[in-house]
Amino acid sequence: MSTHKAAGKTKQHVSPAGKRLGAKVSHGQTVTIGSILIRQRGTRYHTGQGTGLGRDHTIFAMTNGVVTFGRRLGKKFISVV
C-alpha cells in the first residue's frame, strides 16, 4: 500500500520566473541619464518631460533630475525635471 498519494498535473507544473516589472524609482528621487524608471507591459504610465520610451515600453530618463509622477486627462505620466 502506498504511503504517498499519486501526484497529478498540479505537482508537475513549474511556475515561470517573475519578470521584475514595476516602478524602479519613487517620486522625488534623483536620477541620472539612462536610468530605468519603470518596466511595464504596455503603456500603463506615459512618458513626460525628460523621459523616453523603450521598445518594450520601459520608461527611462533622458536627462539628469528629479522624478515626478502625475496625472493629465486621466492618464498617468512620469517626468524628470
PDB file of N, CA and C in Angstrom:
ATOM      1  N   MET A   1       0.835  -1.174   0.000  1.00  0.00           N
ATOM      2  CA  MET A   1       0.000   0.000   0.000  1.00  0.00           C
ATOM      3  C   MET A   1       0.887   1.248   0.000  1.00  0.00           C
ATOM      4  N   SER A   2       0.486   2.238  -0.771  1.00  0.00           N
ATOM      5  CA  SER A   2       1.289   3.453  -0.912  1.00  0.00           C
ATOM      6  C   SER A   2       1.164   4.356   0.319  1.00  0.00           C
ATOM      7  N   THR A   3       2.254   4.980   0.669  1.00  0.00           N
ATOM      8  CA  THR A   3       2.227   5.927   1.792  1.00  0.00           C
ATOM      9  C   THR A   3       2.097   7.361   1.314  1.00  0.00           C
ATOM     10  N   HIS A   4       2.136   7.548  -0.004  1.00  0.00           N
ATOM     11  CA  HIS A   4       2.036   8.903  -0.575  1.00  0.00           C
ATOM     12  C   HIS A   4       1.045   8.882  -1.739  1.00  0.00           C
ATOM     13  N   LYS A   5       0.155   9.841  -1.772  1.00  0.00           N
ATOM     14  CA  LYS A   5      -0.844   9.879  -2.849  1.00  0.00           C
ATOM     15  C   LYS A   5      -0.178  10.184  -4.188  1.00  0.00           C
ATOM     16  N   ALA A   6      -0.769   9.699  -5.237  1.00  0.00           N
ATOM     17  CA  ALA A   6      -0.236   9.953  -6.579  1.00  0.00           C
ATOM     18  C   ALA A   6      -0.371  11.438  -6.905  1.00  0.00           C
ATOM     19  N   ALA A   7       0.662  12.020  -7.483  1.00  0.00           N
ATOM     20  CA  ALA A   7       0.657  13.445  -7.820  1.00  0.00           C
ATOM     21  C   ALA A   7       0.027  13.666  -9.191  1.00  0.00           C
ATOM     22  N   GLY A   8      -0.804  14.659  -9.303  1.00  0.00           N
ATOM     23  CA  GLY A   8      -1.457  14.969 -10.567  1.00  0.00           C
ATOM     24  C   GLY A   8      -0.723  16.055 -11.318  1.00  0.00           C
ATOM     25  N   LYS A   9      -1.430  16.721 -12.242  1.00  0.00           N
ATOM     26  CA  LYS A   9      -0.837  17.756 -13.083  1.00  0.00           C
ATOM     27  C   LYS A   9      -0.334  18.950 -12.280  1.00  0.00           C
ATOM     28  N   THR A  10      -0.988  19.255 -11.168  1.00  0.00           N
ATOM     29  CA  THR A  10      -0.569  20.437 -10.401  1.00  0.00           C
ATOM     30  C   THR A  10       0.822  20.273  -9.823  1.00  0.00           C
ATOM     31  N   LYS A  11       1.216  19.055  -9.527  1.00  0.00           N
ATOM     32  CA  LYS A  11       2.553  18.810  -8.993  1.00  0.00           C
ATOM     33  C   LYS A  11       3.625  18.923 -10.085  1.00  0.00           C
ATOM     34  N   GLN A  12       3.227  18.709 -11.344  1.00  0.00           N
ATOM     35  CA  GLN A  12       4.180  18.742 -12.447  1.00  0.00           C
ATOM     36  C   GLN A  12       4.423  20.158 -12.966  1.00  0.00           C
ATOM     37  N   HIS A  13       3.510  21.076 -12.669  1.00  0.00           N
ATOM     38  CA  HIS A  13       3.598  22.441 -13.199  1.00  0.00           C
ATOM     39  C   HIS A  13       4.742  23.209 -12.546  1.00  0.00           C
ATOM     40  N   VAL A  14       5.563  23.847 -13.377  1.00  0.00           N
ATOM     41  CA  VAL A  14       6.645  24.690 -12.881  1.00  0.00           C
ATOM     42  C   VAL A  14       6.266  26.131 -13.157  1.00  0.00           C
ATOM     43  N   SER A  15       6.239  26.928 -12.123  1.00  0.00           N
ATOM     44  CA  SER A  15       5.854  28.334 -12.263  1.00  0.00           C
ATOM     45  C   SER A  15       6.967  29.114 -12.969  1.00  0.00           C
ATOM     46  N   PRO A  16       6.631  29.954 -13.964  1.00  0.00           N
ATOM     47  CA  PRO A  16       7.665  30.726 -14.659  1.00  0.00           C
ATOM     48  C   PRO A  16       8.265  31.808 -13.760  1.00  0.00           C
ATOM     49  N   ALA A  17       9.470  32.182 -14.058  1.00  0.00           N
ATOM     50  CA  ALA A  17      10.148  33.214 -13.268  1.00  0.00           C
ATOM     51  C   ALA A  17       9.467  34.559 -13.456  1.00  0.00           C
ATOM     52  N   GLY A  18       9.445  35.381 -12.407  1.00  0.00           N
ATOM     53  CA  GLY A  18       8.864  36.716 -12.485  1.00  0.00           C
ATOM     54  C   GLY A  18       9.699  37.607 -13.392  1.00  0.00           C
ATOM     55  N   LYS A  19       9.075  38.610 -14.010  1.00  0.00           N
ATOM     56  CA  LYS A  19       9.764  39.464 -14.976  1.00  0.00           C
ATOM     57  C   LYS A  19      10.295  40.761 -14.376  1.00  0.00           C
ATOM     58  N   ARG A  20      10.145  40.935 -13.079  1.00  0.00           N
ATOM     59  CA  ARG A  20      10.669  42.112 -12.357  1.00  0.00           C
ATOM     60  C   ARG A  20      10.138  43.423 -12.932  1.00  0.00           C
ATOM     61  N   LEU A  21       8.826  43.476 -13.185  1.00  0.00           N
ATOM     62  CA  LEU A  21       8.200  44.674 -13.711  1.00  0.00           C
ATOM     63  C   LEU A  21       7.880  45.625 -12.563  1.00  0.00           C
ATOM     64  N   GLY A  22       7.552  46.873 -12.917  1.00  0.00           N
ATOM     65  CA  GLY A  22       7.121  47.846 -11.920  1.00  0.00           C
ATOM     66  C   GLY A  22       8.037  49.047 -11.847  1.00  0.00           C
ATOM     67  N   ALA A  23       7.730  49.937 -10.892  1.00  0.00           N
ATOM     68  CA  ALA A  23       8.495  51.177 -10.706  1.00  0.00           C
ATOM     69  C   ALA A  23       9.836  50.857 -10.061  1.00  0.00           C
ATOM     70  N   LYS A  24      10.894  51.428 -10.604  1.00  0.00           N
ATOM     71  CA  LYS A  24      12.235  51.223 -10.063  1.00  0.00           C
ATOM     72  C   LYS A  24      12.705  52.429  -9.258  1.00  0.00           C
ATOM     73  N   VAL A  25      11.988  53.541  -9.357  1.00  0.00           N
ATOM     74  CA  VAL A  25      12.298  54.751  -8.590  1.00  0.00           C
ATOM     75  C   VAL A  25      10.999  55.307  -8.023  1.00  0.00           C
ATOM     76  N   SER A  26      11.116  56.193  -7.055  1.00  0.00           N
ATOM     77  CA  SER A  26       9.929  56.793  -6.456  1.00  0.00           C
ATOM     78  C   SER A  26       9.916  58.302  -6.693  1.00  0.00           C
ATOM     79  N   HIS A  27       8.793  58.929  -6.384  1.00  0.00           N
ATOM     80  CA  HIS A  27       8.598  60.371  -6.571  1.00  0.00           C
ATOM     81  C   HIS A  27       9.627  61.136  -5.734  1.00  0.00           C
ATOM     82  N   GLY A  28      10.287  62.110  -6.357  1.00  0.00           N
ATOM     83  CA  GLY A  28      11.252  62.928  -5.649  1.00  0.00           C
ATOM     84  C   GLY A  28      12.670  62.393  -5.650  1.00  0.00           C
ATOM     85  N   GLN A  29      12.883  61.228  -6.212  1.00  0.00           N
ATOM     86  CA  GLN A  29      14.211  60.628  -6.244  1.00  0.00           C
ATOM     87  C   GLN A  29      15.039  61.229  -7.374  1.00  0.00           C
ATOM     88  N   THR A  30      16.330  61.421  -7.148  1.00  0.00           N
ATOM     89  CA  THR A  30      17.236  61.971  -8.155  1.00  0.00           C
ATOM     90  C   THR A  30      17.751  60.835  -9.041  1.00  0.00           C
ATOM     91  N   VAL A  31      17.752  61.072 -10.376  1.00  0.00           N
ATOM     92  CA  VAL A  31      18.214  60.061 -11.328  1.00  0.00           C
ATOM     93  C   VAL A  31      19.215  60.655 -12.307  1.00  0.00           C
ATOM     94  N   THR A  32      19.957  59.783 -12.977  1.00  0.00           N
ATOM     95  CA  THR A  32      20.911  60.203 -13.992  1.00  0.00           C
ATOM     96  C   THR A  32      20.410  59.760 -15.361  1.00  0.00           C
ATOM     97  N   ILE A  33      21.057  60.251 -16.410  1.00  0.00           N
ATOM     98  CA  ILE A  33      20.676  59.903 -17.779  1.00  0.00           C
ATOM     99  C   ILE A  33      20.768  58.389 -17.980  1.00  0.00           C
ATOM    100  N   GLY A  34      19.735  57.814 -18.572  1.00  0.00           N
ATOM    101  CA  GLY A  34      19.716  56.393 -18.875  1.00  0.00           C
ATOM    102  C   GLY A  34      19.153  55.506 -17.779  1.00  0.00           C
ATOM    103  N   SER A  35      18.836  56.087 -16.625  1.00  0.00           N
ATOM    104  CA  SER A  35      18.287  55.289 -15.527  1.00  0.00           C
ATOM    105  C   SER A  35      16.895  54.770 -15.888  1.00  0.00           C
ATOM    106  N   ILE A  36      16.631  53.522 -15.575  1.00  0.00           N
ATOM    107  CA  ILE A  36      15.312  52.947 -15.817  1.00  0.00           C
ATOM    108  C   ILE A  36      14.382  53.403 -14.705  1.00  0.00           C
ATOM    109  N   LEU A  37      13.236  53.956 -15.091  1.00  0.00           N
ATOM    110  CA  LEU A  37      12.265  54.446 -14.124  1.00  0.00           C
ATOM    111  C   LEU A  37      11.156  53.431 -13.895  1.00  0.00           C
ATOM    112  N   ILE A  38      10.617  52.867 -14.996  1.00  0.00           N
ATOM    113  CA  ILE A  38       9.522  51.903 -14.897  1.00  0.00           C
ATOM    114  C   ILE A  38       9.685  50.832 -15.961  1.00  0.00           C
ATOM    115  N   ARG A  39       9.477  49.572 -15.568  1.00  0.00           N
ATOM    116  CA  ARG A  39       9.408  48.480 -16.538  1.00  0.00           C
ATOM    117  C   ARG A  39       7.967  48.018 -16.533  1.00  0.00           C
ATOM    118  N   GLN A  40       7.359  47.951 -17.725  1.00  0.00           N
ATOM    119  CA  GLN A  40       5.927  47.670 -17.820  1.00  0.00           C
ATOM    120  C   GLN A  40       5.588  46.917 -19.089  1.00  0.00           C
ATOM    121  N   ARG A  41       4.396  46.330 -19.105  1.00  0.00           N
ATOM    122  CA  ARG A  41       3.844  45.698 -20.295  1.00  0.00           C
ATOM    123  C   ARG A  41       2.750  46.620 -20.804  1.00  0.00           C
ATOM    124  N   GLY A  42       2.956  47.197 -21.972  1.00  0.00           N
ATOM    125  CA  GLY A  42       2.011  48.207 -22.466  1.00  0.00           C
ATOM    126  C   GLY A  42       2.313  49.541 -21.811  1.00  0.00           C
ATOM    127  N   THR A  43       1.533  50.556 -22.126  1.00  0.00           N
ATOM    128  CA  THR A  43       1.790  51.884 -21.559  1.00  0.00           C
ATOM    129  C   THR A  43       0.823  52.185 -20.422  1.00  0.00           C
ATOM    130  N   ARG A  44       1.077  51.587 -19.260  1.00  0.00           N
ATOM    131  CA  ARG A  44       0.302  51.925 -18.065  1.00  0.00           C
ATOM    132  C   ARG A  44       0.680  53.351 -17.649  1.00  0.00           C
ATOM    133  N   TYR A  45       1.974  53.655 -17.741  1.00  0.00           N
ATOM    134  CA  TYR A  45       2.477  55.014 -17.500  1.00  0.00           C
ATOM    135  C   TYR A  45       2.939  55.568 -18.834  1.00  0.00           C
ATOM    136  N   HIS A  46       2.775  56.862 -19.024  1.00  0.00           N
ATOM    137  CA  HIS A  46       3.179  57.522 -20.262  1.00  0.00           C
ATOM    138  C   HIS A  46       4.390  58.402 -19.993  1.00  0.00           C
ATOM    139  N   THR A  47       5.148  58.669 -21.054  1.00  0.00           N
ATOM    140  CA  THR A  47       6.353  59.482 -20.910  1.00  0.00           C
ATOM    141  C   THR A  47       5.999  60.950 -20.800  1.00  0.00           C
ATOM    142  N   GLY A  48       6.686  61.630 -19.922  1.00  0.00           N
ATOM    143  CA  GLY A  48       6.527  63.071 -19.753  1.00  0.00           C
ATOM    144  C   GLY A  48       7.816  63.765 -20.148  1.00  0.00           C
ATOM    145  N   GLN A  49       8.019  64.932 -19.600  1.00  0.00           N
ATOM    146  CA  GLN A  49       9.208  65.732 -19.891  1.00  0.00           C
ATOM    147  C   GLN A  49      10.467  65.025 -19.375  1.00  0.00           C
ATOM    148  N   GLY A  50      11.482  64.928 -20.216  1.00  0.00           N
ATOM    149  CA  GLY A  50      12.768  64.361 -19.818  1.00  0.00           C
ATOM    150  C   GLY A  50      12.815  62.846 -19.742  1.00  0.00           C
ATOM    151  N   THR A  51      11.833  62.175 -20.348  1.00  0.00           N
ATOM    152  CA  THR A  51      11.837  60.714 -20.334  1.00  0.00           C
ATOM    153  C   THR A  51      11.672  60.163 -21.739  1.00  0.00           C
ATOM    154  N   GLY A  52      12.067  58.912 -21.927  1.00  0.00           N
ATOM    155  CA  GLY A  52      11.934  58.249 -23.212  1.00  0.00           C
ATOM    156  C   GLY A  52      11.259  56.904 -23.035  1.00  0.00           C
ATOM    157  N   LEU A  53      10.757  56.353 -24.152  1.00  0.00           N
ATOM    158  CA  LEU A  53      10.048  55.078 -24.123  1.00  0.00           C
ATOM    159  C   LEU A  53      10.833  54.047 -24.917  1.00  0.00           C
ATOM    160  N   GLY A  54      11.167  52.943 -24.275  1.00  0.00           N
ATOM    161  CA  GLY A  54      11.920  51.875 -24.925  1.00  0.00           C
ATOM    162  C   GLY A  54      11.022  50.985 -25.754  1.00  0.00           C
ATOM    163  N   ARG A  55      11.633  50.087 -26.492  1.00  0.00           N
ATOM    164  CA  ARG A  55      10.941  49.170 -27.385  1.00  0.00           C
ATOM    165  C   ARG A  55       9.980  48.247 -26.633  1.00  0.00           C
ATOM    166  N   ASP A  56      10.324  47.910 -25.397  1.00  0.00           N
ATOM    167  CA  ASP A  56       9.467  47.047 -24.576  1.00  0.00           C
ATOM    168  C   ASP A  56       8.646  47.863 -23.576  1.00  0.00           C
ATOM    169  N   HIS A  57       8.414  49.130 -23.889  1.00  0.00           N
ATOM    170  CA  HIS A  57       7.618  50.070 -23.091  1.00  0.00           C
ATOM    171  C   HIS A  57       8.289  50.465 -21.775  1.00  0.00           C
ATOM    172  N   THR A  58       9.584  50.258 -21.660  1.00  0.00           N
ATOM    173  CA  THR A  58      10.329  50.708 -20.488  1.00  0.00           C
ATOM    174  C   THR A  58      10.492  52.219 -20.568  1.00  0.00           C
ATOM    175  N   ILE A  59      10.236  52.909 -19.469  1.00  0.00           N
ATOM    176  CA  ILE A  59      10.429  54.362 -19.424  1.00  0.00           C
ATOM    177  C   ILE A  59      11.765  54.629 -18.748  1.00  0.00           C
ATOM    178  N   PHE A  60      12.597  55.465 -19.394  1.00  0.00           N
ATOM    179  CA  PHE A  60      13.929  55.760 -18.880  1.00  0.00           C
ATOM    180  C   PHE A  60      14.174  57.258 -18.898  1.00  0.00           C
ATOM    181  N   ALA A  61      15.156  57.707 -18.118  1.00  0.00           N
ATOM    182  CA  ALA A  61      15.481  59.131 -18.000  1.00  0.00           C
ATOM    183  C   ALA A  61      16.368  59.569 -19.160  1.00  0.00           C
ATOM    184  N   MET A  62      16.024  60.696 -19.775  1.00  0.00           N
ATOM    185  CA  MET A  62      16.849  61.258 -20.849  1.00  0.00           C
ATOM    186  C   MET A  62      17.649  62.467 -20.368  1.00  0.00           C
ATOM    187  N   THR A  63      17.384  62.901 -19.141  1.00  0.00           N
ATOM    188  CA  THR A  63      18.126  63.997 -18.526  1.00  0.00           C
ATOM    189  C   THR A  63      18.378  63.672 -17.062  1.00  0.00           C
ATOM    190  N   ASN A  64      19.327  64.365 -16.462  1.00  0.00           N
ATOM    191  CA  ASN A  64      19.532  64.262 -15.021  1.00  0.00           C
ATOM    192  C   ASN A  64      18.460  65.098 -14.340  1.00  0.00           C
ATOM    193  N   GLY A  65      17.982  64.661 -13.193  1.00  0.00           N
ATOM    194  CA  GLY A  65      16.986  65.450 -12.482  1.00  0.00           C
ATOM    195  C   GLY A  65      16.228  64.664 -11.441  1.00  0.00           C
ATOM    196  N   VAL A  66      15.059  65.204 -11.081  1.00  0.00           N
ATOM    197  CA  VAL A  66      14.219  64.624 -10.041  1.00  0.00           C
ATOM    198  C   VAL A  66      12.962  64.037 -10.676  1.00  0.00           C
ATOM    199  N   VAL A  67      12.588  62.844 -10.251  1.00  0.00           N
ATOM    200  CA  VAL A  67      11.431  62.137 -10.807  1.00  0.00           C
ATOM    201  C   VAL A  67      10.133  62.697 -10.223  1.00  0.00           C
ATOM    202  N   THR A  68       9.150  62.929 -11.101  1.00  0.00           N
ATOM    203  CA  THR A  68       7.822  63.345 -10.657  1.00  0.00           C
ATOM    204  C   THR A  68       6.770  62.474 -11.339  1.00  0.00           C
ATOM    205  N   PHE A  69       5.791  62.040 -10.564  1.00  0.00           N
ATOM    206  CA  PHE A  69       4.656  61.288 -11.079  1.00  0.00           C
ATOM    207  C   PHE A  69       3.457  62.219 -11.091  1.00  0.00           C
ATOM    208  N   GLY A  70       2.634  62.136 -12.131  1.00  0.00           N
ATOM    209  CA  GLY A  70       1.464  62.987 -12.201  1.00  0.00           C
ATOM    210  C   GLY A  70       0.390  62.406 -13.095  1.00  0.00           C
ATOM    211  N   ARG A  71      -0.760  63.111 -13.145  1.00  0.00           N
ATOM    212  CA  ARG A  71      -1.876  62.684 -13.992  1.00  0.00           C
ATOM    213  C   ARG A  71      -2.310  63.855 -14.862  1.00  0.00           C
ATOM    214  N   ARG A  72      -2.602  63.537 -16.126  1.00  0.00           N
ATOM    215  CA  ARG A  72      -3.161  64.516 -17.057  1.00  0.00           C
ATOM    216  C   ARG A  72      -4.230  63.827 -17.872  1.00  0.00           C
ATOM    217  N   LEU A  73      -5.419  64.379 -17.899  1.00  0.00           N
ATOM    218  CA  LEU A  73      -6.541  63.835 -18.662  1.00  0.00           C
ATOM    219  C   LEU A  73      -6.784  62.355 -18.360  1.00  0.00           C
ATOM    220  N   GLY A  74      -6.650  61.982 -17.089  1.00  0.00           N
ATOM    221  CA  GLY A  74      -6.911  60.616 -16.667  1.00  0.00           C
ATOM    222  C   GLY A  74      -5.791  59.626 -16.935  1.00  0.00           C
ATOM    223  N   LYS A  75      -4.674  60.088 -17.507  1.00  0.00           N
ATOM    224  CA  LYS A  75      -3.537  59.204 -17.782  1.00  0.00           C
ATOM    225  C   LYS A  75      -2.415  59.479 -16.793  1.00  0.00           C
ATOM    226  N   LYS A  76      -1.662  58.440 -16.463  1.00  0.00           N
ATOM    227  CA  LYS A  76      -0.543  58.567 -15.532  1.00  0.00           C
ATOM    228  C   LYS A  76       0.720  58.880 -16.322  1.00  0.00           C
ATOM    229  N   PHE A  77       1.438  59.906 -15.892  1.00  0.00           N
ATOM    230  CA  PHE A  77       2.661  60.349 -16.554  1.00  0.00           C
ATOM    231  C   PHE A  77       3.815  60.312 -15.563  1.00  0.00           C
ATOM    232  N   ILE A  78       5.012  60.125 -16.089  1.00  0.00           N
ATOM    233  CA  ILE A  78       6.229  60.206 -15.283  1.00  0.00           C
ATOM    234  C   ILE A  78       7.193  61.130 -16.001  1.00  0.00           C
ATOM    235  N   SER A  79       7.780  62.060 -15.249  1.00  0.00           N
ATOM    236  CA  SER A  79       8.683  63.059 -15.822  1.00  0.00           C
ATOM    237  C   SER A  79       9.953  63.160 -15.011  1.00  0.00           C
ATOM    238  N   VAL A  80      11.001  63.709 -15.630  1.00  0.00           N
ATOM    239  CA  VAL A  80      12.247  64.016 -14.942  1.00  0.00           C
ATOM    240  C   VAL A  80      12.517  65.492 -15.155  1.00  0.00           C
ATOM    241  N   VAL A  81      12.469  66.258 -14.078  1.00  0.00           N
ATOM    242  CA  VAL A  81      12.625  67.712 -14.167  1.00  0.00           C
ATOM    243  C   VAL A  81      13.917  68.135 -13.483  1.00  0.00           C
TER     244      VAL A  81
END
